[in-house]
C-alpha atoms as a PDB file:
ATOM      1  CA  MET A   1     -20.508   6.223 -23.209  1.00  0.00           C
ATOM      2  CA  LYS A   2     -19.565   8.425 -26.186  1.00  0.00           C
ATOM      3  CA  LYS A   3     -18.391  11.147 -23.823  1.00  0.00           C
ATOM      4  CA  ASN A   4     -16.155   8.682 -21.974  1.00  0.00           C
ATOM      5  CA  LEU A   5     -14.687   7.462 -25.254  1.00  0.00           C
ATOM      6  CA  VAL A   6     -13.942  11.006 -26.399  1.00  0.00           C
ATOM      7  CA  VAL A   7     -12.319  11.922 -23.032  1.00  0.00           C
ATOM      8  CA  PHE A   8     -10.238   8.726 -23.073  1.00  0.00           C
ATOM      9  CA  THR A   9      -9.113   9.305 -26.635  1.00  0.00           C
ATOM     10  CA  LEU A  10      -8.022  12.865 -25.848  1.00  0.00           C
ATOM     11  CA  ILE A  11      -6.026  11.745 -22.827  1.00  0.00           C
ATOM     12  CA  VAL A  12      -4.279   9.018 -24.847  1.00  0.00           C
ATOM     13  CA  LEU A  13      -3.465  11.459 -27.629  1.00  0.00           C
ATOM     14  CA  CYS A  14      -2.019  14.010 -25.219  1.00  0.00           C
ATOM     15  CA  ALA A  15      -0.088  11.487 -23.223  1.00  0.00           C
ATOM     16  CA  THR A  16       1.502   9.805 -26.212  1.00  0.00           C
ATOM     17  CA  GLY A  17       2.189  12.804 -28.438  1.00  0.00           C
ATOM     18  CA  VAL A  18       5.802  12.867 -27.346  1.00  0.00           C
ATOM     19  CA  SER A  19       6.457   9.299 -28.441  1.00  0.00           C
ATOM     20  CA  ALA A  20       4.440   9.350 -31.645  1.00  0.00           C
ATOM     21  CA  GLN A  21       5.530   7.386 -34.712  1.00  0.00           C
ATOM     22  CA  LYS A  22       8.150   8.961 -36.926  1.00  0.00           C
ATOM     23  CA  GLU A  23       8.766   7.684 -40.421  1.00  0.00           C
ATOM     24  CA  THR A  24      12.039   6.161 -39.174  1.00  0.00           C
ATOM     25  CA  LYS A  25      10.788   4.575 -35.966  1.00  0.00           C
ATOM     26  CA  LYS A  26      11.414   0.791 -35.952  1.00  0.00           C
ATOM     27  CA  PHE A  27       8.148  -0.315 -34.311  1.00  0.00           C
ATOM     28  CA  SER A  28       4.792   1.363 -33.674  1.00  0.00           C
ATOM     29  CA  VAL A  29       1.281   0.518 -32.663  1.00  0.00           C
ATOM     30  CA  GLY A  30      -1.743   2.607 -33.482  1.00  0.00           C
ATOM     31  CA  PHE A  31      -5.473   2.614 -33.644  1.00  0.00           C
ATOM     32  CA  GLY A  32      -7.787   3.858 -36.373  1.00  0.00           C
ATOM     33  CA  PHE A  33     -11.375   4.611 -37.010  1.00  0.00           C
ATOM     34  CA  GLU A  34     -12.683   3.152 -40.260  1.00  0.00           C
ATOM     35  CA  GLY A  35     -15.929   3.977 -41.994  1.00  0.00           C
ATOM     36  CA  GLY A  36     -17.436   4.110 -45.388  1.00  0.00           C
ATOM     37  CA  VAL A  37     -19.945   2.599 -47.725  1.00  0.00           C
ATOM     38  CA  PRO A  38     -20.394  -1.038 -48.684  1.00  0.00           C
ATOM     39  CA  THR A  39     -20.130  -1.867 -52.380  1.00  0.00           C
ATOM     40  CA  GLY A  40     -20.714  -5.026 -54.388  1.00  0.00           C
ATOM     41  CA  SER A  41     -23.045  -7.537 -52.767  1.00  0.00           C
ATOM     42  CA  TYR A  42     -22.712  -5.760 -49.376  1.00  0.00           C
ATOM     43  CA  SER A  43     -24.593  -2.744 -50.815  1.00  0.00           C
ATOM     44  CA  ASN A  44     -27.763  -4.872 -51.150  1.00  0.00           C
ATOM     45  CA  ALA A  45     -28.066  -5.348 -47.382  1.00  0.00           C
ATOM     46  CA  TYR A  46     -25.992  -2.525 -45.728  1.00  0.00           C
ATOM     47  CA  THR A  47     -25.958   1.258 -45.879  1.00  0.00           C
ATOM     48  CA  SER A  48     -22.610   1.917 -44.184  1.00  0.00           C
ATOM     49  CA  ASP A  49     -19.770   0.454 -42.179  1.00  0.00           C
ATOM     50  CA  ILE A  50     -17.999   1.787 -39.099  1.00  0.00           C
ATOM     51  CA  GLY A  51     -15.379   0.315 -36.821  1.00  0.00           C
ATOM     52  CA  ILE A  52     -12.139   0.533 -34.956  1.00  0.00           C
ATOM     53  CA  THR A  53      -8.886  -1.197 -35.770  1.00  0.00           C
ATOM     54  CA  ILE A  54      -5.447  -1.597 -34.204  1.00  0.00           C
ATOM     55  CA  ARG A  55      -2.345  -1.694 -36.395  1.00  0.00           C
ATOM     56  CA  PHE A  56       1.169  -2.924 -35.610  1.00  0.00           C
ATOM     57  CA  SER A  57       3.962  -1.592 -37.870  1.00  0.00           C
ATOM     58  CA  TRP A  58       7.623  -2.720 -38.199  1.00  0.00           C
ATOM     59  CA  LEU A  59      10.168  -0.780 -40.215  1.00  0.00           C
ATOM     60  CA  ALA A  60      11.494  -3.161 -42.944  1.00  0.00           C
ATOM     61  CA  GLY A  61      13.412  -1.788 -45.891  1.00  0.00           C
ATOM     62  CA  PRO A  62      11.936   1.410 -47.293  1.00  0.00           C
ATOM     63  CA  GLY A  63       8.525   0.877 -45.654  1.00  0.00           C
ATOM     64  CA  PHE A  64       6.647  -0.828 -42.887  1.00  0.00           C
ATOM     65  CA  VAL A  65       5.315  -4.373 -42.556  1.00  0.00           C
ATOM     66  CA  THR A  66       1.824  -4.066 -41.033  1.00  0.00           C
ATOM     67  CA  LEU A  67      -0.589  -6.302 -39.097  1.00  0.00           C
ATOM     68  CA  THR A  68      -4.103  -4.900 -38.649  1.00  0.00           C
ATOM     69  CA  THR A  69      -7.127  -6.272 -36.803  1.00  0.00           C
ATOM     70  CA  GLY A  70     -10.285  -4.946 -35.266  1.00  0.00           C
ATOM     71  CA  ALA A  71     -14.073  -4.896 -35.572  1.00  0.00           C
ATOM     72  CA  ILE A  72     -16.202  -3.374 -38.326  1.00  0.00           C
ATOM     73  CA  GLY A  73     -19.948  -3.007 -37.879  1.00  0.00           C
ATOM     74  CA  LEU A  74     -22.218  -3.129 -40.937  1.00  0.00           C
ATOM     75  CA  VAL A  75     -25.344  -0.972 -40.615  1.00  0.00           C
ATOM     76  CA  PRO A  76     -28.397  -2.659 -42.234  1.00  0.00           C
ATOM     77  CA  LYS A  77     -30.742  -1.234 -44.857  1.00  0.00           C
ATOM     78  CA  LYS A  78     -34.445  -1.187 -44.090  1.00  0.00           C
ATOM     79  CA  VAL A  79     -36.213  -3.240 -46.750  1.00  0.00           C
ATOM     80  CA  VAL A  80     -40.000  -3.629 -46.585  1.00  0.00           C
ATOM     81  CA  GLY A  81     -40.932  -7.280 -45.925  1.00  0.00           C
ATOM     82  CA  GLN A  82     -37.464  -8.366 -44.851  1.00  0.00           C
ATOM     83  CA  SER A  83     -35.820  -8.481 -41.479  1.00  0.00           C
ATOM     84  CA  GLU A  84     -32.797  -6.248 -40.951  1.00  0.00           C
ATOM     85  CA  LYS A  85     -29.440  -7.981 -40.870  1.00  0.00           C
ATOM     86  CA  VAL A  86     -26.782  -6.368 -38.724  1.00  0.00           C
ATOM     87  CA  GLY A  87     -23.279  -7.463 -39.616  1.00  0.00           C
ATOM     88  CA  LEU A  88     -20.085  -7.630 -37.517  1.00  0.00           C
ATOM     89  CA  GLN A  89     -16.816  -8.239 -39.361  1.00  0.00           C
ATOM     90  CA  LEU A  90     -13.522  -9.196 -37.643  1.00  0.00           C
ATOM     91  CA  PRO A  91     -10.675  -8.743 -40.165  1.00  0.00           C
ATOM     92  CA  VAL A  92      -7.040  -9.758 -39.827  1.00  0.00           C
ATOM     93  CA  ARG A  93      -4.865  -8.104 -42.446  1.00  0.00           C
ATOM     94  CA  ALA A  94      -1.065  -8.221 -43.120  1.00  0.00           C
ATOM     95  CA  GLY A  95       0.582  -5.895 -45.554  1.00  0.00           C
ATOM     96  CA  TYR A  96       3.235  -3.413 -46.490  1.00  0.00           C
ATOM     97  CA  LYS A  97       3.117   0.403 -46.265  1.00  0.00           C
ATOM     98  CA  ILE A  98       5.646   2.402 -48.242  1.00  0.00           C
ATOM     99  CA  ILE A  99       6.258   6.144 -47.999  1.00  0.00           C
ATOM    100  CA  ILE A 100       6.377   7.209 -51.704  1.00  0.00           C
ATOM    101  CA  GLN A 101       7.199  10.833 -50.928  1.00  0.00           C
ATOM    102  CA  HIS A 102       7.489  12.619 -47.604  1.00  0.00           C
ATOM    103  CA  HIS A 103       4.045  12.305 -45.922  1.00  0.00           C
ATOM    104  CA  PHE A 104       2.392  10.370 -48.787  1.00  0.00           C
ATOM    105  CA  PHE A 105       2.089   6.553 -48.681  1.00  0.00           C
ATOM    106  CA  VAL A 106       0.546   3.584 -50.459  1.00  0.00           C
ATOM    107  CA  MET A 107      -0.293   0.358 -48.711  1.00  0.00           C
ATOM    108  CA  GLY A 108      -1.499  -3.058 -49.700  1.00  0.00           C
ATOM    109  CA  GLU A 109      -2.870  -5.671 -47.290  1.00  0.00           C
ATOM    110  CA  LEU A 110      -4.075  -9.256 -47.617  1.00  0.00           C
ATOM    111  CA  GLY A 111      -6.039 -11.098 -45.014  1.00  0.00           C
ATOM    112  CA  TYR A 112      -9.096 -12.942 -43.807  1.00  0.00           C
ATOM    113  CA  ALA A 113     -12.351 -11.599 -42.415  1.00  0.00           C
ATOM    114  CA  SER A 114     -14.903 -13.496 -40.346  1.00  0.00           C
ATOM    115  CA  THR A 115     -18.334 -11.962 -40.760  1.00  0.00           C
ATOM    116  CA  LYS A 116     -21.284 -12.728 -38.508  1.00  0.00           C
ATOM    117  CA  VAL A 117     -24.739 -11.575 -39.521  1.00  0.00           C
ATOM    118  CA  TYR A 118     -27.539 -11.157 -36.923  1.00  0.00           C
ATOM    119  CA  TYR A 119     -31.204 -11.070 -37.909  1.00  0.00           C
ATOM    120  CA  GLY A 120     -34.618 -11.624 -36.384  1.00  0.00           C
ATOM    121  CA  SER A 121     -36.977 -14.456 -37.295  1.00  0.00           C
ATOM    122  CA  GLN A 122     -40.237 -15.323 -35.544  1.00  0.00           C
ATOM    123  CA  GLY A 123     -39.288 -13.331 -32.455  1.00  0.00           C
ATOM    124  CA  LYS A 124     -35.832 -14.856 -32.142  1.00  0.00           C
ATOM    125  CA  VAL A 125     -32.363 -13.451 -32.926  1.00  0.00           C
ATOM    126  CA  LEU A 126     -30.519 -15.783 -35.253  1.00  0.00           C
ATOM    127  CA  SER A 127     -27.033 -15.525 -36.723  1.00  0.00           C
ATOM    128  CA  ALA A 128     -25.008 -16.856 -39.557  1.00  0.00           C
ATOM    129  CA  SER A 129     -21.218 -16.786 -39.990  1.00  0.00           C
ATOM    130  CA  GLN A 130     -19.067 -16.631 -43.077  1.00  0.00           C
ATOM    131  CA  GLY A 131     -15.383 -16.163 -43.784  1.00  0.00           C
ATOM    132  CA  SER A 132     -13.651 -14.661 -46.752  1.00  0.00           C
ATOM    133  CA  PHE A 133     -10.204 -13.738 -47.953  1.00  0.00           C
ATOM    134  CA  LEU A 134      -9.670 -10.038 -48.604  1.00  0.00           C
ATOM    135  CA  VAL A 135      -7.444  -7.627 -50.506  1.00  0.00           C
ATOM    136  CA  ALA A 136      -7.189  -4.070 -49.200  1.00  0.00           C
ATOM    137  CA  PRO A 137      -5.177  -1.374 -51.038  1.00  0.00           C
ATOM    138  CA  ALA A 138      -4.972   2.147 -49.575  1.00  0.00           C
ATOM    139  CA  ILE A 139      -3.444   5.532 -50.298  1.00  0.00           C
ATOM    140  CA  GLY A 140      -2.976   8.268 -47.746  1.00  0.00           C
ATOM    141  CA  VAL A 141      -0.955  10.900 -45.948  1.00  0.00           C
ATOM    142  CA  GLN A 142       0.885  10.696 -42.649  1.00  0.00           C
ATOM    143  CA  PHE A 143       2.094  13.533 -40.460  1.00  0.00           C
ATOM    144  CA  ASN A 144       4.166  12.027 -37.658  1.00  0.00           C
ATOM    145  CA  ALA A 145       1.628  10.210 -35.491  1.00  0.00           C
ATOM    146  CA  PHE A 146      -1.535  11.127 -37.480  1.00  0.00           C
ATOM    147  CA  GLU A 147      -2.594   9.418 -40.713  1.00  0.00           C
ATOM    148  CA  ILE A 148      -5.576   9.515 -42.968  1.00  0.00           C
ATOM    149  CA  ALA A 149      -6.073   7.095 -45.795  1.00  0.00           C
ATOM    150  CA  LEU A 150      -8.655   6.091 -48.396  1.00  0.00           C
ATOM    151  CA  ARG A 151      -9.063   2.329 -48.445  1.00  0.00           C
ATOM    152  CA  TYR A 152     -10.873  -0.249 -50.587  1.00  0.00           C
ATOM    153  CA  GLU A 153     -11.392  -3.719 -49.162  1.00  0.00           C
ATOM    154  CA  SER A 154     -12.572  -6.449 -51.520  1.00  0.00           C
ATOM    155  CA  HIS A 155     -13.793  -9.821 -50.193  1.00  0.00           C
ATOM    156  CA  SER A 156     -13.613 -13.138 -52.042  1.00  0.00           C
ATOM    157  CA  GLY A 157     -16.510 -15.494 -52.264  1.00  0.00           C
ATOM    158  CA  ASP A 158     -19.403 -13.198 -51.432  1.00  0.00           C
ATOM    159  CA  GLY A 159     -18.496 -10.353 -53.807  1.00  0.00           C
ATOM    160  CA  GLY A 160     -18.704  -7.739 -51.031  1.00  0.00           C
ATOM    161  CA  ALA A 161     -16.427  -4.742 -50.633  1.00  0.00           C
ATOM    162  CA  LEU A 162     -15.971  -1.754 -48.316  1.00  0.00           C
ATOM    163  CA  PHE A 163     -14.803   1.729 -49.474  1.00  0.00           C
ATOM    164  CA  GLY A 164     -13.981   4.645 -47.223  1.00  0.00           C
ATOM    165  CA  PRO A 165     -11.501   6.508 -45.045  1.00  0.00           C
ATOM    166  CA  ARG A 166      -9.352   5.328 -42.158  1.00  0.00           C
ATOM    167  CA  ILE A 167      -8.222   7.962 -39.659  1.00  0.00           C
ATOM    168  CA  GLY A 168      -5.435   6.682 -37.453  1.00  0.00           C
ATOM    169  CA  PHE A 169      -3.009   7.626 -34.700  1.00  0.00           C
ATOM    170  CA  ASN A 170       0.298   5.806 -34.231  1.00  0.00           C
ATOM    171  CA  PHE A 171       2.306   5.564 -30.994  1.00  0.00           C
END
């Protein structure tokens, strides 16, 4: 499965390199790999987060209006005497990305995340769902179609947060 994903990704990157996003392109769509470490209340139950997102960008004024969604998996900690709780987060974020100097950008997003936690109890798999509003600032660099950013995503209500890189490719 991993081999197929790598081959598919390479084919997509090669096929779309000609039409990659420029800083002046009016509309683009891209995907990104996000990862990092949970902080706040999330650090009590999870060791890391990893996921894939898709981002739509529209040129508006000096920057881009963005809409981002995807799936982020939360890898559980092993705690003696407690069942592991795997988390799956589905965020929807809207924001604005501004190029502050050629290649360098800052971005701020607001949104909502639905988080579902799966855990075992008495031989059964149970789940619990929760939603939270989020704020996600980021800073990064962009070279035509390729971007890398450092993001911090803070969630209301449960006190959880995610901190880590996003590596993306824009078409």
